[in-house]
Amino acid sequence: MDLLLSGRGAVVTGASQGLGAAIAKALAKEGAVVCLIARNETALRDVAKDIQDAGGTAHICPADLADPDEISRVSSACLSLLPTLDALVNCAGATKRGDFFELTDQDWADGYGLKFHATVRLSRALWSGLKASGGSIVNIAGLGGRMPEGDFTIGGSVNAALLNFTKALSQVGIRDGVRVNAINPGFIETGRLRRSLEATSERDGVTPSDAAAHLLAKLGVGRFGKAEEVAALALFMLSPAASYLNGTAIELDGGARRSI
C-alpha cells in the first residue's frame, strides 16, 4: 500500500532511539524527508546515517526541547531544511517511575517539561507550516494515561494531559485543516523496556527473562510489541489514507487494556 508520503517533510522528536528512531526510519523508507530532533547528537547522527545508507534523506537538529528557548531555534531550523512541513511526531520524553512519596518536585517538572510542555510548544511553533500543507500531528502518549498505577503517577498524569491536549488541539485542527491524533503504546521492545526488566530482575533476584514472563502474565498478553509496529500505525495516521481520522487516540498494546 502506497501511503503517499514520498517527498513530504516530517519532524520527529525523540528520534535518537526507540520509537522515535523507528518512526523516523519508517517515514524515510516511504520517501519522506525527515528532520530528527533529540538531545544526543551522536545518536542522532547514527540514526541519520542508517536512513541515508538505506537511500533516505534525513537532517538532524540536536536540541533539548525541555528548554523553551530551544523551540524557536529548532523549529526554524527544521522549516529551513524540509521541502514542506507535512507531519510532526512528538515522541520525546520519558518519566520517572517510583514511590509517590520519594518522587521530587524536580522529577515532576522534568516529566512534564519534556513530554508535555515540549509537545505543546513545538506544536504551536510548527502549526502554521502544518496548516499550510494540510498536515498531521501524531503524539506518542502511553497506556498510563488511561490505566493509572500507583508507581507511575508522573507518567500517567503526563500521558493523561497529553491525551486531553491531543483531543483539544484536534478541534482547532478542524478549523485549520490539521489532523491531531495520538498513539498509546503498550510495552514495546525498546532499550527502555530492556533496562526496566533488568532493574526488576536485580531488585527481585530473578532473571530478566523471568521478569519479562511475569510482566506478560500480568498484562495478559502473549508478547511485547515491536517498535516497527508502532511506526507502521504512526505512518498510517500521518498519511492521506487516514484523512478522516482526527482527535483519536489508538491503543497499540496487544489487548492489555480491558476497558471499552
C-alpha atoms as a PDB file:
ATOM      1  CA  MET A   1       0.000   0.000   0.000  1.00  0.00           C
ATOM      2  CA  ASP A   2       1.434   3.359  -1.059  1.00  0.00           C
ATOM      3  CA  LEU A   3       0.908   5.749   1.853  1.00  0.00           C
ATOM      4  CA  LEU A   4       1.644   8.750  -0.396  1.00  0.00           C
ATOM      5  CA  LEU A   5       4.312  10.101   1.943  1.00  0.00           C
ATOM      6  CA  SER A   6       7.096  10.376  -0.638  1.00  0.00           C
ATOM      7  CA  GLY A   7       8.556  13.864  -0.858  1.00  0.00           C
ATOM      8  CA  ARG A   8       6.745  15.086   2.236  1.00  0.00           C
ATOM      9  CA  GLY A   9       8.523  16.691   5.149  1.00  0.00           C
ATOM     10  CA  ALA A  10       8.335  15.302   8.678  1.00  0.00           C
ATOM     11  CA  VAL A  11       9.684  16.351  12.070  1.00  0.00           C
ATOM     12  CA  VAL A  12      10.234  13.579  14.620  1.00  0.00           C
ATOM     13  CA  THR A  13      11.236  14.275  18.218  1.00  0.00           C
ATOM     14  CA  GLY A  14      12.892  11.718  20.454  1.00  0.00           C
ATOM     15  CA  ALA A  15      14.407  10.408  17.234  1.00  0.00           C
ATOM     16  CA  SER A  16      17.744   9.243  18.621  1.00  0.00           C
ATOM     17  CA  GLN A  17      16.448   5.874  19.844  1.00  0.00           C
ATOM     18  CA  GLY A  18      13.459   3.636  20.445  1.00  0.00           C
ATOM     19  CA  LEU A  19      10.081   4.533  18.994  1.00  0.00           C
ATOM     20  CA  GLY A  20      11.204   7.894  17.642  1.00  0.00           C
ATOM     21  CA  ALA A  21      14.054   6.349  15.672  1.00  0.00           C
ATOM     22  CA  ALA A  22      11.797   3.577  14.354  1.00  0.00           C
ATOM     23  CA  ILE A  23       9.174   6.077  13.193  1.00  0.00           C
ATOM     24  CA  ALA A  24      11.794   8.296  11.544  1.00  0.00           C
ATOM     25  CA  LYS A  25      13.306   5.343   9.679  1.00  0.00           C
ATOM     26  CA  ALA A  26       9.884   4.150   8.527  1.00  0.00           C
ATOM     27  CA  LEU A  27       8.964   7.620   7.252  1.00  0.00           C
ATOM     28  CA  ALA A  28      12.229   7.871   5.337  1.00  0.00           C
ATOM     29  CA  LYS A  29      11.693   4.417   3.851  1.00  0.00           C
ATOM     30  CA  GLU A  30       8.377   5.684   2.469  1.00  0.00           C
ATOM     31  CA  GLY A  31      10.227   8.566   0.821  1.00  0.00           C
ATOM     32  CA  ALA A  32       9.600  11.325   3.351  1.00  0.00           C
ATOM     33  CA  VAL A  33      12.323  13.832   4.181  1.00  0.00           C
ATOM     34  CA  VAL A  34      12.788  13.692   7.942  1.00  0.00           C
ATOM     35  CA  CYS A  35      14.173  16.150  10.459  1.00  0.00           C
ATOM     36  CA  LEU A  36      15.375  14.362  13.592  1.00  0.00           C
ATOM     37  CA  ILE A  37      15.316  16.072  16.987  1.00  0.00           C
ATOM     38  CA  ALA A  38      16.818  14.806  20.252  1.00  0.00           C
ATOM     39  CA  ARG A  39      19.421  15.841  22.799  1.00  0.00           C
ATOM     40  CA  ASN A  40      22.029  13.212  21.904  1.00  0.00           C
ATOM     41  CA  GLU A  41      23.747  14.463  18.751  1.00  0.00           C
ATOM     42  CA  THR A  42      25.923  11.367  18.360  1.00  0.00           C
ATOM     43  CA  ALA A  43      22.924   9.044  18.480  1.00  0.00           C
ATOM     44  CA  LEU A  44      21.037  11.309  16.062  1.00  0.00           C
ATOM     45  CA  ARG A  45      23.901  11.087  13.597  1.00  0.00           C
ATOM     46  CA  ASP A  46      23.817   7.307  13.840  1.00  0.00           C
ATOM     47  CA  VAL A  47      20.083   7.220  13.057  1.00  0.00           C
ATOM     48  CA  ALA A  48      20.534   9.681  10.188  1.00  0.00           C
ATOM     49  CA  LYS A  49      23.359   7.548   8.774  1.00  0.00           C
ATOM     50  CA  ASP A  50      21.158   4.443   8.893  1.00  0.00           C
ATOM     51  CA  ILE A  51      18.489   6.338   6.963  1.00  0.00           C
ATOM     52  CA  GLN A  52      20.938   7.700   4.414  1.00  0.00           C
ATOM     53  CA  ASP A  53      22.625   4.320   3.935  1.00  0.00           C
ATOM     54  CA  ALA A  54      19.185   2.910   3.115  1.00  0.00           C
ATOM     55  CA  GLY A  55      18.658   5.588   0.463  1.00  0.00           C
ATOM     56  CA  GLY A  56      16.603   8.031   2.526  1.00  0.00           C
ATOM     57  CA  THR A  57      17.012  11.696   3.377  1.00  0.00           C
ATOM     58  CA  ALA A  58      17.451  12.854   6.965  1.00  0.00           C
ATOM     59  CA  HIS A  59      18.591  16.011   8.708  1.00  0.00           C
ATOM     60  CA  ILE A  60      19.464  16.347  12.376  1.00  0.00           C
ATOM     61  CA  CYS A  61      18.596  19.176  14.761  1.00  0.00           C
ATOM     62  CA  PRO A  62      20.095  18.433  18.181  1.00  0.00           C
ATOM     63  CA  ALA A  63      18.144  20.236  20.891  1.00  0.00           C
ATOM     64  CA  ASP A  64      16.932  19.998  24.462  1.00  0.00           C
ATOM     65  CA  LEU A  65      13.209  20.524  23.966  1.00  0.00           C
ATOM     66  CA  ALA A  66      12.699  20.928  27.702  1.00  0.00           C
ATOM     67  CA  ASP A  67      14.321  24.355  27.256  1.00  0.00           C
ATOM     68  CA  PRO A  68      11.642  26.770  25.962  1.00  0.00           C
ATOM     69  CA  ASP A  69      14.320  28.887  24.257  1.00  0.00           C
ATOM     70  CA  GLU A  70      15.288  25.939  22.054  1.00  0.00           C
ATOM     71  CA  ILE A  71      11.836  25.590  20.484  1.00  0.00           C
ATOM     72  CA  SER A  72      12.073  28.639  18.226  1.00  0.00           C
ATOM     73  CA  ARG A  73      15.585  27.762  17.070  1.00  0.00           C
ATOM     74  CA  VAL A  74      14.876  24.149  16.257  1.00  0.00           C
ATOM     75  CA  SER A  75      11.543  24.969  14.600  1.00  0.00           C
ATOM     76  CA  SER A  76      13.191  27.478  12.281  1.00  0.00           C
ATOM     77  CA  ALA A  77      15.974  25.027  11.510  1.00  0.00           C
ATOM     78  CA  CYS A  78      13.575  22.235  10.580  1.00  0.00           C
ATOM     79  CA  LEU A  79      11.425  24.507   8.418  1.00  0.00           C
ATOM     80  CA  SER A  80      14.515  25.619   6.505  1.00  0.00           C
ATOM     81  CA  LEU A  81      15.634  22.025   5.913  1.00  0.00           C
ATOM     82  CA  LEU A  82      12.338  20.480   4.796  1.00  0.00           C
ATOM     83  CA  PRO A  83      10.605  20.909   1.415  1.00  0.00           C
ATOM     84  CA  THR A  84       7.273  21.332   3.201  1.00  0.00           C
ATOM     85  CA  LEU A  85       6.084  20.539   6.707  1.00  0.00           C
ATOM     86  CA  ASP A  86       3.516  17.768   6.448  1.00  0.00           C
ATOM     87  CA  ALA A  87       3.973  15.763   9.636  1.00  0.00           C
ATOM     88  CA  LEU A  88       5.005  16.211  13.251  1.00  0.00           C
ATOM     89  CA  VAL A  89       5.598  13.253  15.552  1.00  0.00           C
ATOM     90  CA  ASN A  90       6.010  14.205  19.205  1.00  0.00           C
ATOM     91  CA  CYS A  91       7.850  11.251  20.722  1.00  0.00           C
ATOM     92  CA  ALA A  92      10.311  12.871  23.129  1.00  0.00           C
ATOM     93  CA  GLY A  93      10.251  12.295  26.830  1.00  0.00           C
ATOM     94  CA  ALA A  94      10.427   9.639  29.499  1.00  0.00           C
ATOM     95  CA  THR A  95       9.058   9.981  33.010  1.00  0.00           C
ATOM     96  CA  LYS A  96      10.372   8.635  36.281  1.00  0.00           C
ATOM     97  CA  ARG A  97       8.593   5.714  37.891  1.00  0.00           C
ATOM     98  CA  GLY A  98       8.676   5.119  41.637  1.00  0.00           C
ATOM     99  CA  ASP A  99       7.177   5.543  45.074  1.00  0.00           C
ATOM    100  CA  PHE A 100       4.964   8.637  45.111  1.00  0.00           C
ATOM    101  CA  PHE A 101       6.498   9.912  48.345  1.00  0.00           C
ATOM    102  CA  GLU A 102      10.037   9.592  47.001  1.00  0.00           C
ATOM    103  CA  LEU A 103       9.402  11.465  43.753  1.00  0.00           C
ATOM    104  CA  THR A 104      10.593  15.064  43.948  1.00  0.00           C
ATOM    105  CA  ASP A 105       9.199  18.293  42.538  1.00  0.00           C
ATOM    106  CA  GLN A 106      12.066  18.199  40.049  1.00  0.00           C
ATOM    107  CA  ASP A 107      11.043  14.710  38.910  1.00  0.00           C
ATOM    108  CA  TRP A 108       7.545  16.044  38.218  1.00  0.00           C
ATOM    109  CA  ALA A 109       8.884  19.148  36.477  1.00  0.00           C
ATOM    110  CA  ASP A 110      11.192  17.038  34.303  1.00  0.00           C
ATOM    111  CA  GLY A 111       8.356  14.687  33.373  1.00  0.00           C
ATOM    112  CA  TYR A 112       6.052  17.459  32.257  1.00  0.00           C
ATOM    113  CA  GLY A 113       8.820  19.596  30.783  1.00  0.00           C
ATOM    114  CA  LEU A 114       9.945  17.281  28.007  1.00  0.00           C
ATOM    115  CA  LYS A 115       6.967  15.098  27.221  1.00  0.00           C
ATOM    116  CA  PHE A 116       4.083  17.544  27.692  1.00  0.00           C
ATOM    117  CA  HIS A 117       5.308  21.138  27.563  1.00  0.00           C
ATOM    118  CA  ALA A 118       7.673  20.452  24.653  1.00  0.00           C
ATOM    119  CA  THR A 119       4.797  18.880  22.708  1.00  0.00           C
ATOM    120  CA  VAL A 120       2.625  21.933  23.345  1.00  0.00           C
ATOM    121  CA  ARG A 121       5.355  24.401  22.383  1.00  0.00           C
ATOM    122  CA  LEU A 122       6.551  22.572  19.286  1.00  0.00           C
ATOM    123  CA  SER A 123       3.007  22.027  18.020  1.00  0.00           C
ATOM    124  CA  ARG A 124       2.370  25.752  18.421  1.00  0.00           C
ATOM    125  CA  ALA A 125       5.642  26.739  16.751  1.00  0.00           C
ATOM    126  CA  LEU A 126       5.100  24.479  13.730  1.00  0.00           C
ATOM    127  CA  TRP A 127       1.339  24.915  13.407  1.00  0.00           C
ATOM    128  CA  SER A 128       1.459  27.474  10.594  1.00  0.00           C
ATOM    129  CA  GLY A 129       3.590  25.142   8.486  1.00  0.00           C
ATOM    130  CA  LEU A 130       1.250  22.235   9.111  1.00  0.00           C
ATOM    131  CA  LYS A 131      -1.743  24.439   8.339  1.00  0.00           C
ATOM    132  CA  ALA A 132      -0.203  25.491   5.026  1.00  0.00           C
ATOM    133  CA  SER A 133       0.260  21.874   3.929  1.00  0.00           C
ATOM    134  CA  GLY A 134      -2.859  20.359   5.491  1.00  0.00           C
ATOM    135  CA  GLY A 135      -0.550  18.296   7.654  1.00  0.00           C
ATOM    136  CA  SER A 136      -0.898  15.979  10.614  1.00  0.00           C
ATOM    137  CA  ILE A 137       0.398  15.524  14.160  1.00  0.00           C
ATOM    138  CA  VAL A 138       0.820  12.236  15.992  1.00  0.00           C
ATOM    139  CA  ASN A 139       1.568  12.398  19.713  1.00  0.00           C
ATOM    140  CA  ILE A 140       3.086   9.316  21.326  1.00  0.00           C
ATOM    141  CA  ALA A 141       1.437   9.096  24.750  1.00  0.00           C
ATOM    142  CA  GLY A 142       1.021   5.829  26.661  1.00  0.00           C
ATOM    143  CA  LEU A 143      -1.354   3.451  28.403  1.00  0.00           C
ATOM    144  CA  GLY A 144      -0.694   5.108  31.753  1.00  0.00           C
ATOM    145  CA  GLY A 145      -2.934   7.968  30.700  1.00  0.00           C
ATOM    146  CA  ARG A 146      -5.909   5.613  30.848  1.00  0.00           C
ATOM    147  CA  MET A 147      -4.644   2.922  33.228  1.00  0.00           C
ATOM    148  CA  PRO A 148      -3.350   4.669  36.379  1.00  0.00           C
ATOM    149  CA  GLU A 149      -0.772   2.845  38.503  1.00  0.00           C
ATOM    150  CA  GLY A 150       0.476   3.774  41.953  1.00  0.00           C
ATOM    151  CA  ASP A 151       4.145   3.681  40.961  1.00  0.00           C
ATOM    152  CA  PHE A 152       3.593   5.596  37.700  1.00  0.00           C
ATOM    153  CA  THR A 153       1.993   8.787  38.980  1.00  0.00           C
ATOM    154  CA  ILE A 154       4.118  11.138  36.896  1.00  0.00           C
ATOM    155  CA  GLY A 155       3.891   9.171  33.660  1.00  0.00           C
ATOM    156  CA  GLY A 156       0.182   8.525  33.998  1.00  0.00           C
ATOM    157  CA  SER A 157      -0.554  12.175  34.723  1.00  0.00           C
ATOM    158  CA  VAL A 158       1.597  13.398  31.843  1.00  0.00           C
ATOM    159  CA  ASN A 159       0.024  10.948  29.402  1.00  0.00           C
ATOM    160  CA  ALA A 160      -3.485  11.886  30.526  1.00  0.00           C
ATOM    161  CA  ALA A 161      -2.659  15.551  29.977  1.00  0.00           C
ATOM    162  CA  LEU A 162      -1.211  14.728  26.565  1.00  0.00           C
ATOM    163  CA  LEU A 163      -4.351  12.844  25.547  1.00  0.00           C
ATOM    164  CA  ASN A 164      -6.532  15.762  26.638  1.00  0.00           C
ATOM    165  CA  PHE A 165      -4.301  18.164  24.722  1.00  0.00           C
ATOM    166  CA  THR A 166      -4.497  15.960  21.628  1.00  0.00           C
ATOM    167  CA  LYS A 167      -8.290  15.983  21.665  1.00  0.00           C
ATOM    168  CA  ALA A 168      -8.494  19.705  22.359  1.00  0.00           C
ATOM    169  CA  LEU A 169      -5.988  20.636  19.651  1.00  0.00           C
ATOM    170  CA  SER A 170      -7.802  18.443  17.137  1.00  0.00           C
ATOM    171  CA  GLN A 171     -10.759  20.824  17.470  1.00  0.00           C
ATOM    172  CA  VAL A 172      -8.515  23.690  16.394  1.00  0.00           C
ATOM    173  CA  GLY A 173      -7.313  21.412  13.628  1.00  0.00           C
ATOM    174  CA  ILE A 174     -10.826  21.036  12.233  1.00  0.00           C
ATOM    175  CA  ARG A 175     -10.822  24.771  11.576  1.00  0.00           C
ATOM    176  CA  ASP A 176      -7.266  24.893  10.235  1.00  0.00           C
ATOM    177  CA  GLY A 177      -7.121  21.615   8.330  1.00  0.00           C
ATOM    178  CA  VAL A 178      -4.571  19.926  10.589  1.00  0.00           C
ATOM    179  CA  ARG A 179      -5.287  16.456  11.969  1.00  0.00           C
ATOM    180  CA  VAL A 180      -4.107  15.665  15.508  1.00  0.00           C
ATOM    181  CA  ASN A 181      -4.092  12.114  16.862  1.00  0.00           C
ATOM    182  CA  ALA A 182      -2.260  10.035  19.451  1.00  0.00           C
ATOM    183  CA  ILE A 183      -0.927   6.527  19.963  1.00  0.00           C
ATOM    184  CA  ASN A 184      -0.910   4.811  23.352  1.00  0.00           C
ATOM    185  CA  PRO A 185       1.792   2.151  23.037  1.00  0.00           C
ATOM    186  CA  GLY A 186       1.795  -0.750  25.440  1.00  0.00           C
ATOM    187  CA  PHE A 187       5.032  -2.441  26.439  1.00  0.00           C
ATOM    188  CA  ILE A 188       7.255  -2.266  23.362  1.00  0.00           C
ATOM    189  CA  GLU A 189      10.629  -3.951  22.833  1.00  0.00           C
ATOM    190  CA  THR A 190      12.980  -0.992  23.173  1.00  0.00           C
ATOM    191  CA  GLY A 191      16.083  -0.194  25.169  1.00  0.00           C
ATOM    192  CA  ARG A 192      13.862   1.429  27.780  1.00  0.00           C
ATOM    193  CA  LEU A 193      11.912  -1.796  28.334  1.00  0.00           C
ATOM    194  CA  ARG A 194      15.108  -3.831  28.443  1.00  0.00           C
ATOM    195  CA  ARG A 195      16.560  -1.552  31.115  1.00  0.00           C
ATOM    196  CA  SER A 196      13.330  -1.732  33.099  1.00  0.00           C
ATOM    197  CA  LEU A 197      13.341  -5.524  33.026  1.00  0.00           C
ATOM    198  CA  GLU A 198      16.994  -5.610  34.063  1.00  0.00           C
ATOM    199  CA  ALA A 199      16.232  -3.330  37.013  1.00  0.00           C
ATOM    200  CA  THR A 200      13.302  -5.541  38.011  1.00  0.00           C
ATOM    201  CA  SER A 201      15.445  -8.669  37.796  1.00  0.00           C
ATOM    202  CA  GLU A 202      18.094  -7.130  40.057  1.00  0.00           C
ATOM    203  CA  ARG A 203      15.509  -5.912  42.553  1.00  0.00           C
ATOM    204  CA  ASP A 204      13.587  -9.198  42.724  1.00  0.00           C
ATOM    205  CA  GLY A 205      16.518 -11.578  42.307  1.00  0.00           C
ATOM    206  CA  VAL A 206      15.184 -13.174  39.118  1.00  0.00           C
ATOM    207  CA  THR A 207      16.456 -13.398  35.573  1.00  0.00           C
ATOM    208  CA  PRO A 208      15.421 -10.758  33.010  1.00  0.00           C
ATOM    209  CA  SER A 209      13.519 -13.455  31.096  1.00  0.00           C
ATOM    210  CA  ASP A 210      11.591 -14.352  34.256  1.00  0.00           C
ATOM    211  CA  ALA A 211      10.844 -10.667  34.832  1.00  0.00           C
ATOM    212  CA  ALA A 212       9.557 -10.426  31.260  1.00  0.00           C
ATOM    213  CA  ALA A 213       7.386 -13.516  31.658  1.00  0.00           C
ATOM    214  CA  HIS A 214       5.906 -12.146  34.888  1.00  0.00           C
ATOM    215  CA  LEU A 215       5.089  -8.819  33.236  1.00  0.00           C
ATOM    216  CA  LEU A 216       3.455 -10.504  30.242  1.00  0.00           C
ATOM    217  CA  ALA A 217       1.358 -12.647  32.569  1.00  0.00           C
ATOM    218  CA  LYS A 218       0.298  -9.547  34.497  1.00  0.00           C
ATOM    219  CA  LEU A 219      -0.673  -7.816  31.254  1.00  0.00           C
ATOM    220  CA  GLY A 220      -2.438 -10.894  29.933  1.00  0.00           C
ATOM    221  CA  VAL A 221      -0.794 -10.697  26.505  1.00  0.00           C
ATOM    222  CA  GLY A 222       1.417 -13.169  24.707  1.00  0.00           C
ATOM    223  CA  ARG A 223       4.329 -10.939  23.761  1.00  0.00           C
ATOM    224  CA  PHE A 224       5.697  -7.429  23.809  1.00  0.00           C
ATOM    225  CA  GLY A 225       5.097  -5.120  20.879  1.00  0.00           C
ATOM    226  CA  LYS A 226       7.724  -4.116  18.354  1.00  0.00           C
ATOM    227  CA  ALA A 227       8.847  -0.580  17.597  1.00  0.00           C
ATOM    228  CA  GLU A 228       8.175  -1.214  13.918  1.00  0.00           C
ATOM    229  CA  GLU A 229       4.524  -1.913  14.738  1.00  0.00           C
ATOM    230  CA  VAL A 230       4.184   1.471  16.414  1.00  0.00           C
ATOM    231  CA  ALA A 231       5.901   3.062  13.417  1.00  0.00           C
ATOM    232  CA  ALA A 232       3.503   1.377  10.983  1.00  0.00           C
ATOM    233  CA  LEU A 233       0.499   2.764  12.856  1.00  0.00           C
ATOM    234  CA  ALA A 234       2.047   6.226  13.071  1.00  0.00           C
ATOM    235  CA  LEU A 235       2.672   6.286   9.322  1.00  0.00           C
ATOM    236  CA  PHE A 236      -0.906   5.308   8.561  1.00  0.00           C
ATOM    237  CA  MET A 237      -2.213   8.017  10.901  1.00  0.00           C
ATOM    238  CA  LEU A 238       0.016  10.610   9.221  1.00  0.00           C
ATOM    239  CA  SER A 239      -0.891   9.557   5.698  1.00  0.00           C
ATOM    240  CA  PRO A 240      -3.716  10.704   3.399  1.00  0.00           C
ATOM    241  CA  ALA A 241      -5.209   7.228   3.880  1.00  0.00           C
ATOM    242  CA  ALA A 242      -6.263   8.408   7.365  1.00  0.00           C
ATOM    243  CA  SER A 243      -7.609  11.774   6.221  1.00  0.00           C
ATOM    244  CA  TYR A 244     -10.845  11.361   8.242  1.00  0.00           C
ATOM    245  CA  LEU A 245      -9.035  10.362  11.435  1.00  0.00           C
ATOM    246  CA  ASN A 246      -8.829  13.277  13.863  1.00  0.00           C
ATOM    247  CA  GLY A 247      -8.852  13.632  17.637  1.00  0.00           C
ATOM    248  CA  THR A 248      -8.376   9.906  18.150  1.00  0.00           C
ATOM    249  CA  ALA A 249      -6.069   8.010  20.500  1.00  0.00           C
ATOM    250  CA  ILE A 250      -5.384   4.413  19.492  1.00  0.00           C
ATOM    251  CA  GLU A 251      -4.083   1.774  21.894  1.00  0.00           C
ATOM    252  CA  LEU A 252      -1.376  -0.476  20.487  1.00  0.00           C
ATOM    253  CA  ASP A 253      -0.989  -2.832  23.412  1.00  0.00           C
ATOM    254  CA  GLY A 254      -1.890  -6.348  22.302  1.00  0.00           C
ATOM    255  CA  GLY A 255      -5.189  -6.067  24.168  1.00  0.00           C
ATOM    256  CA  ALA A 256      -3.734  -5.257  27.600  1.00  0.00           C
ATOM    257  CA  ARG A 257      -6.264  -2.502  28.226  1.00  0.00           C
ATOM    258  CA  ARG A 258      -9.509  -4.234  29.121  1.00  0.00           C
ATOM    259  CA  SER A 259     -11.881  -1.278  29.345  1.00  0.00           C
ATOM    260  CA  ILE A 260     -14.008  -0.027  26.451  1.00  0.00           C
END
